[in-house]
């Protein structure tokens, strides 16, 4: 699967589960750990869990499996597919960590 196909799969899964403010960043040449990242917000702890499960299922159906860090209670879940990292946050944690500022083009 290409990085674009992975990104599309993740974005569709997030849209189906009503993720908020999803954003994708191509970070090739700017990151030594991944080629792309997707960031999205959940409205609650159960919603955060549901987003992570939806992404994992969609990607597993395509043969991709993630290393998972964090949990819903920590307000941040990271799904690491090596060339694509998915960061799922509760809104306050997303504002606090502001990881998107690393990837936005200046």
PDB file of N, CA and C in Angstrom:
ATOM      1  N   UNK A   1       0.851  -1.178   0.000  1.00  0.00           N
ATOM      2  CA  UNK A   1       0.000   0.000   0.000  1.00  0.00           C
ATOM      3  C   UNK A   1       0.897   1.242   0.000  1.00  0.00           C
ATOM      4  N   UNK A   2       0.570   2.197  -0.833  1.00  0.00           N
ATOM      5  CA  UNK A   2       1.349   3.436  -0.875  1.00  0.00           C
ATOM      6  C   UNK A   2       0.980   4.316   0.316  1.00  0.00           C
ATOM      7  N   UNK A   3       1.799   5.309   0.572  1.00  0.00           N
ATOM      8  CA  UNK A   3       1.511   6.242   1.661  1.00  0.00           C
ATOM      9  C   UNK A   3       0.191   6.969   1.404  1.00  0.00           C
ATOM     10  N   UNK A   4      -0.091   7.261   0.143  1.00  0.00           N
ATOM     11  CA  UNK A   4      -1.351   7.927  -0.202  1.00  0.00           C
ATOM     12  C   UNK A   4      -2.548   7.018   0.070  1.00  0.00           C
ATOM     13  N   UNK A   5      -2.413   5.732  -0.231  1.00  0.00           N
ATOM     14  CA  UNK A   5      -3.492   4.779   0.051  1.00  0.00           C
ATOM     15  C   UNK A   5      -3.688   4.605   1.554  1.00  0.00           C
ATOM     16  N   UNK A   6      -2.587   4.561   2.296  1.00  0.00           N
ATOM     17  CA  UNK A   6      -2.692   4.472   3.760  1.00  0.00           C
ATOM     18  C   UNK A   6      -3.405   5.701   4.313  1.00  0.00           C
ATOM     19  N   UNK A   7      -3.004   6.862   3.841  1.00  0.00           N
ATOM     20  CA  UNK A   7      -3.609   8.108   4.292  1.00  0.00           C
ATOM     21  C   UNK A   7      -5.109   8.115   3.989  1.00  0.00           C
ATOM     22  N   UNK A   8      -5.484   7.706   2.788  1.00  0.00           N
ATOM     23  CA  UNK A   8      -6.902   7.660   2.414  1.00  0.00           C
ATOM     24  C   UNK A   8      -7.685   6.692   3.291  1.00  0.00           C
ATOM     25  N   UNK A   9      -7.104   5.533   3.565  1.00  0.00           N
ATOM     26  CA  UNK A   9      -7.760   4.531   4.412  1.00  0.00           C
ATOM     27  C   UNK A   9      -7.999   5.096   5.809  1.00  0.00           C
ATOM     28  N   UNK A  10      -6.984   5.721   6.370  1.00  0.00           N
ATOM     29  CA  UNK A  10      -7.107   6.312   7.706  1.00  0.00           C
ATOM     30  C   UNK A  10      -8.144   7.426   7.702  1.00  0.00           C
ATOM     31  N   UNK A  11      -8.064   8.316   6.728  1.00  0.00           N
ATOM     32  CA  UNK A  11      -8.998   9.451   6.665  1.00  0.00           C
ATOM     33  C   UNK A  11     -10.444   8.983   6.533  1.00  0.00           C
ATOM     34  N   UNK A  12     -10.686   7.940   5.718  1.00  0.00           N
ATOM     35  CA  UNK A  12     -12.056   7.412   5.580  1.00  0.00           C
ATOM     36  C   UNK A  12     -12.560   6.838   6.900  1.00  0.00           C
ATOM     37  N   UNK A  13     -11.703   6.082   7.581  1.00  0.00           N
ATOM     38  CA  UNK A  13     -12.099   5.501   8.871  1.00  0.00           C
ATOM     39  C   UNK A  13     -12.433   6.597   9.874  1.00  0.00           C
ATOM     40  N   UNK A  14     -11.630   7.648   9.894  1.00  0.00           N
ATOM     41  CA  UNK A  14     -11.880   8.759  10.819  1.00  0.00           C
ATOM     42  C   UNK A  14     -13.169   9.498  10.458  1.00  0.00           C
ATOM     43  N   UNK A  15     -13.406   9.710   9.175  1.00  0.00           N
ATOM     44  CA  UNK A  15     -14.638  10.381   8.742  1.00  0.00           C
ATOM     45  C   UNK A  15     -15.874   9.575   9.122  1.00  0.00           C
ATOM     46  N   UNK A  16     -15.806   8.255   8.935  1.00  0.00           N
ATOM     47  CA  UNK A  16     -16.944   7.385   9.257  1.00  0.00           C
ATOM     48  C   UNK A  16     -17.296   7.447  10.738  1.00  0.00           C
ATOM     49  N   UNK A  17     -16.307   7.648  11.576  1.00  0.00           N
ATOM     50  CA  UNK A  17     -16.533   7.707  13.022  1.00  0.00           C
ATOM     51  C   UNK A  17     -16.642   9.142  13.531  1.00  0.00           C
ATOM     52  N   UNK A  18     -16.754  10.087  12.612  1.00  0.00           N
ATOM     53  CA  UNK A  18     -16.997  11.497  12.952  1.00  0.00           C
ATOM     54  C   UNK A  18     -15.874  12.142  13.755  1.00  0.00           C
ATOM     55  N   UNK A  19     -14.633  11.845  13.370  1.00  0.00           N
ATOM     56  CA  UNK A  19     -13.490  12.535  13.988  1.00  0.00           C
ATOM     57  C   UNK A  19     -13.593  14.020  13.674  1.00  0.00           C
ATOM     58  N   UNK A  20     -13.052  14.824  14.542  1.00  0.00           N
ATOM     59  CA  UNK A  20     -13.092  16.276  14.339  1.00  0.00           C
ATOM     60  C   UNK A  20     -11.722  16.796  13.913  1.00  0.00           C
ATOM     61  N   UNK A  21     -11.743  17.776  13.014  1.00  0.00           N
ATOM     62  CA  UNK A  21     -10.533  18.508  12.609  1.00  0.00           C
ATOM     63  C   UNK A  21      -9.378  17.610  12.185  1.00  0.00           C
ATOM     64  N   UNK A  22      -9.669  16.601  11.376  1.00  0.00           N
ATOM     65  CA  UNK A  22      -8.603  15.724  10.891  1.00  0.00           C
ATOM     66  C   UNK A  22      -7.717  16.490   9.904  1.00  0.00           C
ATOM     67  N   UNK A  23      -6.423  16.288  10.044  1.00  0.00           N
ATOM     68  CA  UNK A  23      -5.453  16.950   9.161  1.00  0.00           C
ATOM     69  C   UNK A  23      -4.344  15.960   8.828  1.00  0.00           C
ATOM     70  N   UNK A  24      -3.876  16.006   7.586  1.00  0.00           N
ATOM     71  CA  UNK A  24      -2.789  15.141   7.128  1.00  0.00           C
ATOM     72  C   UNK A  24      -1.588  15.993   6.762  1.00  0.00           C
ATOM     73  N   UNK A  25      -0.411  15.458   7.045  1.00  0.00           N
ATOM     74  CA  UNK A  25       0.823  16.167   6.736  1.00  0.00           C
ATOM     75  C   UNK A  25       1.814  15.220   6.092  1.00  0.00           C
ATOM     76  N   UNK A  26       2.351  15.606   4.956  1.00  0.00           N
ATOM     77  CA  UNK A  26       3.436  14.886   4.311  1.00  0.00           C
ATOM     78  C   UNK A  26       4.718  15.438   4.925  1.00  0.00           C
ATOM     79  N   UNK A  27       5.440  14.594   5.630  1.00  0.00           N
ATOM     80  CA  UNK A  27       6.626  15.061   6.351  1.00  0.00           C
ATOM     81  C   UNK A  27       7.911  14.422   5.819  1.00  0.00           C
ATOM     82  N   UNK A  28       7.816  13.871   4.598  1.00  0.00           N
ATOM     83  CA  UNK A  28       9.019  13.309   3.990  1.00  0.00           C
ATOM     84  C   UNK A  28      10.084  14.400   3.892  1.00  0.00           C
ATOM     85  N   UNK A  29      11.286  14.065   4.328  1.00  0.00           N
ATOM     86  CA  UNK A  29      12.381  15.018   4.307  1.00  0.00           C
ATOM     87  C   UNK A  29      12.413  15.938   5.509  1.00  0.00           C
ATOM     88  N   UNK A  30      11.369  15.910   6.339  1.00  0.00           N
ATOM     89  CA  UNK A  30      11.332  16.756   7.536  1.00  0.00           C
ATOM     90  C   UNK A  30      11.292  15.936   8.815  1.00  0.00           C
ATOM     91  N   UNK A  31      11.115  14.639   8.692  1.00  0.00           N
ATOM     92  CA  UNK A  31      11.049  13.767   9.855  1.00  0.00           C
ATOM     93  C   UNK A  31      11.918  12.549   9.607  1.00  0.00           C
ATOM     94  N   UNK A  32      12.606  12.122  10.626  1.00  0.00           N
ATOM     95  CA  UNK A  32      13.429  10.916  10.488  1.00  0.00           C
ATOM     96  C   UNK A  32      12.672   9.662  10.927  1.00  0.00           C
ATOM     97  N   UNK A  33      11.437   9.823  11.420  1.00  0.00           N
ATOM     98  CA  UNK A  33      10.713   8.671  11.944  1.00  0.00           C
ATOM     99  C   UNK A  33       9.500   8.264  11.115  1.00  0.00           C
ATOM    100  N   UNK A  34       9.002   9.118  10.238  1.00  0.00           N
ATOM    101  CA  UNK A  34       7.826   8.779   9.449  1.00  0.00           C
ATOM    102  C   UNK A  34       7.784   9.623   8.182  1.00  0.00           C
ATOM    103  N   UNK A  35       6.944   9.211   7.258  1.00  0.00           N
ATOM    104  CA  UNK A  35       6.776   9.961   6.008  1.00  0.00           C
ATOM    105  C   UNK A  35       5.532  10.836   6.021  1.00  0.00           C
ATOM    106  N   UNK A  36       4.556  10.443   6.830  1.00  0.00           N
ATOM    107  CA  UNK A  36       3.312  11.208   6.888  1.00  0.00           C
ATOM    108  C   UNK A  36       2.693  11.054   8.269  1.00  0.00           C
ATOM    109  N   UNK A  37       1.857  12.003   8.619  1.00  0.00           N
ATOM    110  CA  UNK A  37       1.152  11.937   9.884  1.00  0.00           C
ATOM    111  C   UNK A  37      -0.264  12.457   9.702  1.00  0.00           C
ATOM    112  N   UNK A  38      -1.174  11.862  10.439  1.00  0.00           N
ATOM    113  CA  UNK A  38      -2.563  12.302  10.477  1.00  0.00           C
ATOM    114  C   UNK A  38      -2.863  12.643  11.925  1.00  0.00           C
ATOM    115  N   UNK A  39      -3.536  13.769  12.124  1.00  0.00           N
ATOM    116  CA  UNK A  39      -3.910  14.224  13.455  1.00  0.00           C
ATOM    117  C   UNK A  39      -5.417  14.447  13.449  1.00  0.00           C
ATOM    118  N   UNK A  40      -6.109  13.989  14.505  1.00  0.00           N
ATOM    119  CA  UNK A  40      -7.551  14.191  14.590  1.00  0.00           C
ATOM    120  C   UNK A  40      -7.967  14.259  16.052  1.00  0.00           C
ATOM    121  N   UNK A  41      -9.126  14.837  16.278  1.00  0.00           N
ATOM    122  CA  UNK A  41      -9.669  14.968  17.634  1.00  0.00           C
ATOM    123  C   UNK A  41     -10.920  14.129  17.817  1.00  0.00           C
ATOM    124  N   UNK A  42     -11.123  13.717  19.062  1.00  0.00           N
ATOM    125  CA  UNK A  42     -12.326  13.007  19.487  1.00  0.00           C
ATOM    126  C   UNK A  42     -13.092  13.897  20.458  1.00  0.00           C
ATOM    127  N   UNK A  43     -14.358  13.627  20.626  1.00  0.00           N
ATOM    128  CA  UNK A  43     -15.191  14.446  21.507  1.00  0.00           C
ATOM    129  C   UNK A  43     -15.249  13.929  22.938  1.00  0.00           C
ATOM    130  N   UNK A  44     -14.809  12.690  23.156  1.00  0.00           N
ATOM    131  CA  UNK A  44     -14.891  12.072  24.478  1.00  0.00           C
ATOM    132  C   UNK A  44     -13.935  10.887  24.544  1.00  0.00           C
ATOM    133  N   UNK A  45     -13.764  10.338  25.729  1.00  0.00           N
ATOM    134  CA  UNK A  45     -12.907   9.159  25.884  1.00  0.00           C
ATOM    135  C   UNK A  45     -13.454   7.986  25.071  1.00  0.00           C
ATOM    136  N   UNK A  46     -14.764   7.668  25.139  1.00  0.00           N
ATOM    137  CA  UNK A  46     -15.261   6.568  24.309  1.00  0.00           C
ATOM    138  C   UNK A  46     -15.081   6.835  22.808  1.00  0.00           C
ATOM    139  N   UNK A  47     -15.243   8.076  22.386  1.00  0.00           N
ATOM    140  CA  UNK A  47     -15.052   8.420  20.988  1.00  0.00           C
ATOM    141  C   UNK A  47     -13.592   8.233  20.587  1.00  0.00           C
ATOM    142  N   UNK A  48     -12.668   8.602  21.453  1.00  0.00           N
ATOM    143  CA  UNK A  48     -11.237   8.416  21.183  1.00  0.00           C
ATOM    144  C   UNK A  48     -10.929   6.935  20.972  1.00  0.00           C
ATOM    145  N   UNK A  49     -11.475   6.097  21.845  1.00  0.00           N
ATOM    146  CA  UNK A  49     -11.289   4.647  21.692  1.00  0.00           C
ATOM    147  C   UNK A  49     -11.872   4.159  20.359  1.00  0.00           C
ATOM    148  N   UNK A  50     -13.065   4.633  20.031  1.00  0.00           N
ATOM    149  CA  UNK A  50     -13.735   4.213  18.795  1.00  0.00           C
ATOM    150  C   UNK A  50     -12.937   4.622  17.559  1.00  0.00           C
ATOM    151  N   UNK A  51     -12.352   5.813  17.589  1.00  0.00           N
ATOM    152  CA  UNK A  51     -11.529   6.256  16.461  1.00  0.00           C
ATOM    153  C   UNK A  51     -10.331   5.335  16.280  1.00  0.00           C
ATOM    154  N   UNK A  52      -9.662   5.018  17.369  1.00  0.00           N
ATOM    155  CA  UNK A  52      -8.480   4.146  17.294  1.00  0.00           C
ATOM    156  C   UNK A  52      -8.858   2.767  16.757  1.00  0.00           C
ATOM    157  N   UNK A  53      -9.939   2.205  17.245  1.00  0.00           N
ATOM    158  CA  UNK A  53     -10.387   0.890  16.789  1.00  0.00           C
ATOM    159  C   UNK A  53     -10.748   0.933  15.305  1.00  0.00           C
ATOM    160  N   UNK A  54     -11.434   1.975  14.874  1.00  0.00           N
ATOM    161  CA  UNK A  54     -11.829   2.101  13.470  1.00  0.00           C
ATOM    162  C   UNK A  54     -10.606   2.166  12.556  1.00  0.00           C
ATOM    163  N   UNK A  55      -9.610   2.942  12.953  1.00  0.00           N
ATOM    164  CA  UNK A  55      -8.388   3.043  12.143  1.00  0.00           C
ATOM    165  C   UNK A  55      -7.672   1.700  12.119  1.00  0.00           C
ATOM    166  N   UNK A  56      -7.531   1.075  13.284  1.00  0.00           N
ATOM    167  CA  UNK A  56      -6.840  -0.220  13.333  1.00  0.00           C
ATOM    168  C   UNK A  56      -7.532  -1.259  12.451  1.00  0.00           C
ATOM    169  N   UNK A  57      -8.856  -1.315  12.499  1.00  0.00           N
ATOM    170  CA  UNK A  57      -9.598  -2.294  11.687  1.00  0.00           C
ATOM    171  C   UNK A  57      -9.443  -2.004  10.195  1.00  0.00           C
ATOM    172  N   UNK A  58      -9.567  -0.750   9.813  1.00  0.00           N
ATOM    173  CA  UNK A  58      -9.457  -0.386   8.400  1.00  0.00           C
ATOM    174  C   UNK A  58      -8.070  -0.713   7.860  1.00  0.00           C
ATOM    175  N   UNK A  59      -7.056  -0.402   8.648  1.00  0.00           N
ATOM    176  CA  UNK A  59      -5.685  -0.668   8.201  1.00  0.00           C
ATOM    177  C   UNK A  59      -5.378  -2.167   8.228  1.00  0.00           C
ATOM    178  N   UNK A  60      -5.877  -2.889   9.217  1.00  0.00           N
ATOM    179  CA  UNK A  60      -5.656  -4.337   9.289  1.00  0.00           C
ATOM    180  C   UNK A  60      -6.292  -5.033   8.085  1.00  0.00           C
ATOM    181  N   UNK A  61      -7.433  -4.522   7.636  1.00  0.00           N
ATOM    182  CA  UNK A  61      -8.087  -5.089   6.454  1.00  0.00           C
ATOM    183  C   UNK A  61      -7.215  -4.946   5.214  1.00  0.00           C
ATOM    184  N   UNK A  62      -6.297  -3.994   5.237  1.00  0.00           N
ATOM    185  CA  UNK A  62      -5.363  -3.780   4.128  1.00  0.00           C
ATOM    186  C   UNK A  62      -4.007  -4.423   4.397  1.00  0.00           C
ATOM    187  N   UNK A  63      -3.894  -5.136   5.542  1.00  0.00           N
ATOM    188  CA  UNK A  63      -2.662  -5.842   5.864  1.00  0.00           C
ATOM    189  C   UNK A  63      -1.654  -5.052   6.687  1.00  0.00           C
ATOM    190  N   UNK A  64      -2.046  -3.893   7.177  1.00  0.00           N
ATOM    191  CA  UNK A  64      -1.123  -3.055   7.965  1.00  0.00           C
ATOM    192  C   UNK A  64      -1.487  -3.129   9.450  1.00  0.00           C
ATOM    193  N   UNK A  65      -0.488  -3.245  10.272  1.00  0.00           N
ATOM    194  CA  UNK A  65      -0.702  -3.335  11.717  1.00  0.00           C
ATOM    195  C   UNK A  65       0.186  -2.314  12.425  1.00  0.00           C
ATOM    196  N   UNK A  66      -0.366  -1.697  13.464  1.00  0.00           N
ATOM    197  CA  UNK A  66       0.309  -0.598  14.151  1.00  0.00           C
ATOM    198  C   UNK A  66       0.899  -1.014  15.482  1.00  0.00           C
ATOM    199  N   UNK A  67       1.893  -0.256  15.873  1.00  0.00           N
ATOM    200  CA  UNK A  67       2.339  -0.245  17.259  1.00  0.00           C
ATOM    201  C   UNK A  67       1.524   0.882  17.899  1.00  0.00           C
ATOM    202  N   UNK A  68       0.909   0.596  19.024  1.00  0.00           N
ATOM    203  CA  UNK A  68       0.010   1.563  19.658  1.00  0.00           C
ATOM    204  C   UNK A  68       0.630   2.057  20.954  1.00  0.00           C
ATOM    205  N   UNK A  69       0.596   3.374  21.134  1.00  0.00           N
ATOM    206  CA  UNK A  69       1.068   4.002  22.369  1.00  0.00           C
ATOM    207  C   UNK A  69      -0.062   4.859  22.917  1.00  0.00           C
ATOM    208  N   UNK A  70      -0.052   5.027  24.227  1.00  0.00           N
ATOM    209  CA  UNK A  70      -1.074   5.833  24.877  1.00  0.00           C
ATOM    210  C   UNK A  70      -2.371   5.064  24.991  1.00  0.00           C
ATOM    211  N   UNK A  71      -3.345   5.711  25.586  1.00  0.00           N
ATOM    212  CA  UNK A  71      -4.672   5.126  25.707  1.00  0.00           C
ATOM    213  C   UNK A  71      -5.677   6.249  25.880  1.00  0.00           C
ATOM    214  N   UNK A  72      -6.942   5.908  25.834  1.00  0.00           N
ATOM    215  CA  UNK A  72      -7.983   6.937  25.888  1.00  0.00           C
ATOM    216  C   UNK A  72      -7.917   7.752  27.176  1.00  0.00           C
ATOM    217  N   UNK A  73      -7.551   7.120  28.279  1.00  0.00           N
ATOM    218  CA  UNK A  73      -7.486   7.844  29.545  1.00  0.00           C
ATOM    219  C   UNK A  73      -6.363   8.873  29.569  1.00  0.00           C
ATOM    220  N   UNK A  74      -5.344   8.679  28.743  1.00  0.00           N
ATOM    221  CA  UNK A  74      -4.250   9.648  28.681  1.00  0.00           C
ATOM    222  C   UNK A  74      -4.558  10.780  27.710  1.00  0.00           C
ATOM    223  N   UNK A  75      -5.698  10.691  27.021  1.00  0.00           N
ATOM    224  CA  UNK A  75      -6.190  11.716  26.093  1.00  0.00           C
ATOM    225  C   UNK A  75      -5.426  11.761  24.777  1.00  0.00           C
ATOM    226  N   UNK A  76      -4.574  10.756  24.512  1.00  0.00           N
ATOM    227  CA  UNK A  76      -3.787  10.745  23.285  1.00  0.00           C
ATOM    228  C   UNK A  76      -3.428   9.307  22.934  1.00  0.00           C
ATOM    229  N   UNK A  77      -3.779   8.895  21.735  1.00  0.00           N
ATOM    230  CA  UNK A  77      -3.420   7.573  21.235  1.00  0.00           C
ATOM    231  C   UNK A  77      -2.621   7.765  19.951  1.00  0.00           C
ATOM    232  N   UNK A  78      -1.504   7.055  19.855  1.00  0.00           N
ATOM    233  CA  UNK A  78      -0.681   7.096  18.644  1.00  0.00           C
ATOM    234  C   UNK A  78      -0.666   5.710  18.031  1.00  0.00           C
ATOM    235  N   UNK A  79      -1.008   5.655  16.742  1.00  0.00           N
ATOM    236  CA  UNK A  79      -0.946   4.417  15.969  1.00  0.00           C
ATOM    237  C   UNK A  79       0.221   4.584  14.993  1.00  0.00           C
ATOM    238  N   UNK A  80       1.253   3.787  15.179  1.00  0.00           N
ATOM    239  CA  UNK A  80       2.482   3.920  14.403  1.00  0.00           C
ATOM    240  C   UNK A  80       2.548   2.826  13.350  1.00  0.00           C
ATOM    241  N   UNK A  81       2.363   3.228  12.098  1.00  0.00           N
ATOM    242  CA  UNK A  81       2.465   2.313  10.966  1.00  0.00           C
ATOM    243  C   UNK A  81       3.809   2.486  10.243  1.00  0.00           C
ATOM    244  N   UNK A  82       4.796   2.967  10.917  1.00  0.00           N
ATOM    245  CA  UNK A  82       6.145   3.261  10.419  1.00  0.00           C
ATOM    246  C   UNK A  82       6.150   4.438   9.455  1.00  0.00           C
ATOM    247  N   UNK A  83       5.639   4.261   8.248  1.00  0.00           N
ATOM    248  CA  UNK A  83       5.661   5.377   7.303  1.00  0.00           C
ATOM    249  C   UNK A  83       4.483   6.325   7.476  1.00  0.00           C
ATOM    250  N   UNK A  84       3.523   5.958   8.330  1.00  0.00           N
ATOM    251  CA  UNK A  84       2.382   6.821   8.649  1.00  0.00           C
ATOM    252  C   UNK A  84       2.103   6.725  10.135  1.00  0.00           C
ATOM    253  N   UNK A  85       2.024   7.870  10.786  1.00  0.00           N
ATOM    254  CA  UNK A  85       1.672   7.899  12.210  1.00  0.00           C
ATOM    255  C   UNK A  85       0.350   8.629  12.370  1.00  0.00           C
ATOM    256  N   UNK A  86      -0.532   8.045  13.178  1.00  0.00           N
ATOM    257  CA  UNK A  86      -1.854   8.611  13.417  1.00  0.00           C
ATOM    258  C   UNK A  86      -1.919   9.040  14.878  1.00  0.00           C
ATOM    259  N   UNK A  87      -2.152  10.326  15.088  1.00  0.00           N
ATOM    260  CA  UNK A  87      -2.254  10.893  16.434  1.00  0.00           C
ATOM    261  C   UNK A  87      -3.709  11.257  16.688  1.00  0.00           C
ATOM    262  N   UNK A  88      -4.316  10.635  17.696  1.00  0.00           N
ATOM    263  CA  UNK A  88      -5.698  10.897  18.051  1.00  0.00           C
ATOM    264  C   UNK A  88      -5.728  11.521  19.439  1.00  0.00           C
ATOM    265  N   UNK A  89      -6.406  12.639  19.564  1.00  0.00           N
ATOM    266  CA  UNK A  89      -6.394  13.418  20.799  1.00  0.00           C
ATOM    267  C   UNK A  89      -7.790  13.760  21.281  1.00  0.00           C
ATOM    268  N   UNK A  90      -7.892  14.020  22.571  1.00  0.00           N
ATOM    269  CA  UNK A  90      -9.001  14.818  23.082  1.00  0.00           C
ATOM    270  C   UNK A  90      -8.600  16.276  22.856  1.00  0.00           C
ATOM    271  N   UNK A  91      -9.554  17.187  22.678  1.00  0.00           N
ATOM    272  CA  UNK A  91      -9.224  18.565  22.283  1.00  0.00           C
ATOM    273  C   UNK A  91      -8.203  19.284  23.175  1.00  0.00           C
ATOM    274  N   UNK A  92      -8.323  19.184  24.486  1.00  0.00           N
ATOM    275  CA  UNK A  92      -7.375  19.882  25.359  1.00  0.00           C
ATOM    276  C   UNK A  92      -5.947  19.372  25.173  1.00  0.00           C
ATOM    277  N   UNK A  93      -5.799  18.063  25.023  1.00  0.00           N
ATOM    278  CA  UNK A  93      -4.460  17.487  24.815  1.00  0.00           C
ATOM    279  C   UNK A  93      -3.905  17.912  23.460  1.00  0.00           C
ATOM    280  N   UNK A  94      -4.765  17.981  22.458  1.00  0.00           N
ATOM    281  CA  UNK A  94      -4.291  18.403  21.134  1.00  0.00           C
ATOM    282  C   UNK A  94      -3.781  19.839  21.190  1.00  0.00           C
ATOM    283  N   UNK A  95      -4.486  20.695  21.863  1.00  0.00           N
ATOM    284  CA  UNK A  95      -4.022  22.086  21.994  1.00  0.00           C
ATOM    285  C   UNK A  95      -2.737  22.147  22.815  1.00  0.00           C
ATOM    286  N   UNK A  96      -2.671  21.395  23.891  1.00  0.00           N
ATOM    287  CA  UNK A  96      -1.509  21.427  24.774  1.00  0.00           C
ATOM    288  C   UNK A  96      -0.238  20.976  24.040  1.00  0.00           C
ATOM    289  N   UNK A  97      -0.298  19.838  23.365  1.00  0.00           N
ATOM    290  CA  UNK A  97       0.892  19.296  22.706  1.00  0.00           C
ATOM    291  C   UNK A  97       1.200  19.986  21.383  1.00  0.00           C
ATOM    292  N   UNK A  98       0.208  20.479  20.708  1.00  0.00           N
ATOM    293  CA  UNK A  98       0.366  21.262  19.482  1.00  0.00           C
ATOM    294  C   UNK A  98       1.401  20.666  18.525  1.00  0.00           C
ATOM    295  N   UNK A  99       1.315  19.352  18.309  1.00  0.00           N
ATOM    296  CA  UNK A  99       2.312  18.723  17.431  1.00  0.00           C
ATOM    297  C   UNK A  99       2.183  19.188  15.985  1.00  0.00           C
ATOM    298  N   UNK A 100       1.031  19.680  15.613  1.00  0.00           N
ATOM    299  CA  UNK A 100       0.859  20.145  14.235  1.00  0.00           C
ATOM    300  C   UNK A 100       1.779  21.313  13.907  1.00  0.00           C
ATOM    301  N   UNK A 101       2.155  22.063  14.903  1.00  0.00           N
ATOM    302  CA  UNK A 101       3.065  23.198  14.629  1.00  0.00           C
ATOM    303  C   UNK A 101       4.411  22.701  14.109  1.00  0.00           C
ATOM    304  N   UNK A 102       4.744  21.438  14.367  1.00  0.00           N
ATOM    305  CA  UNK A 102       5.983  20.851  13.839  1.00  0.00           C
ATOM    306  C   UNK A 102       5.903  20.646  12.330  1.00  0.00           C
ATOM    307  N   UNK A 103       4.696  20.403  11.831  1.00  0.00           N
ATOM    308  CA  UNK A 103       4.540  19.968  10.446  1.00  0.00           C
ATOM    309  C   UNK A 103       3.944  20.997   9.509  1.00  0.00           C
ATOM    310  N   UNK A 104       3.338  22.007  10.039  1.00  0.00           N
ATOM    311  CA  UNK A 104       2.759  23.027   9.164  1.00  0.00           C
ATOM    312  C   UNK A 104       3.885  23.724   8.414  1.00  0.00           C
ATOM    313  N   UNK A 105       3.683  23.903   7.130  1.00  0.00           N
ATOM    314  CA  UNK A 105       4.703  24.562   6.318  1.00  0.00           C
ATOM    315  C   UNK A 105       4.736  26.034   6.633  1.00  0.00           C
ATOM    316  N   UNK A 106       5.941  26.576   6.759  1.00  0.00           N
ATOM    317  CA  UNK A 106       6.070  27.999   7.062  1.00  0.00           C
ATOM    318  C   UNK A 106       6.162  28.827   5.802  1.00  0.00           C
TER     319      UNK A 106
END
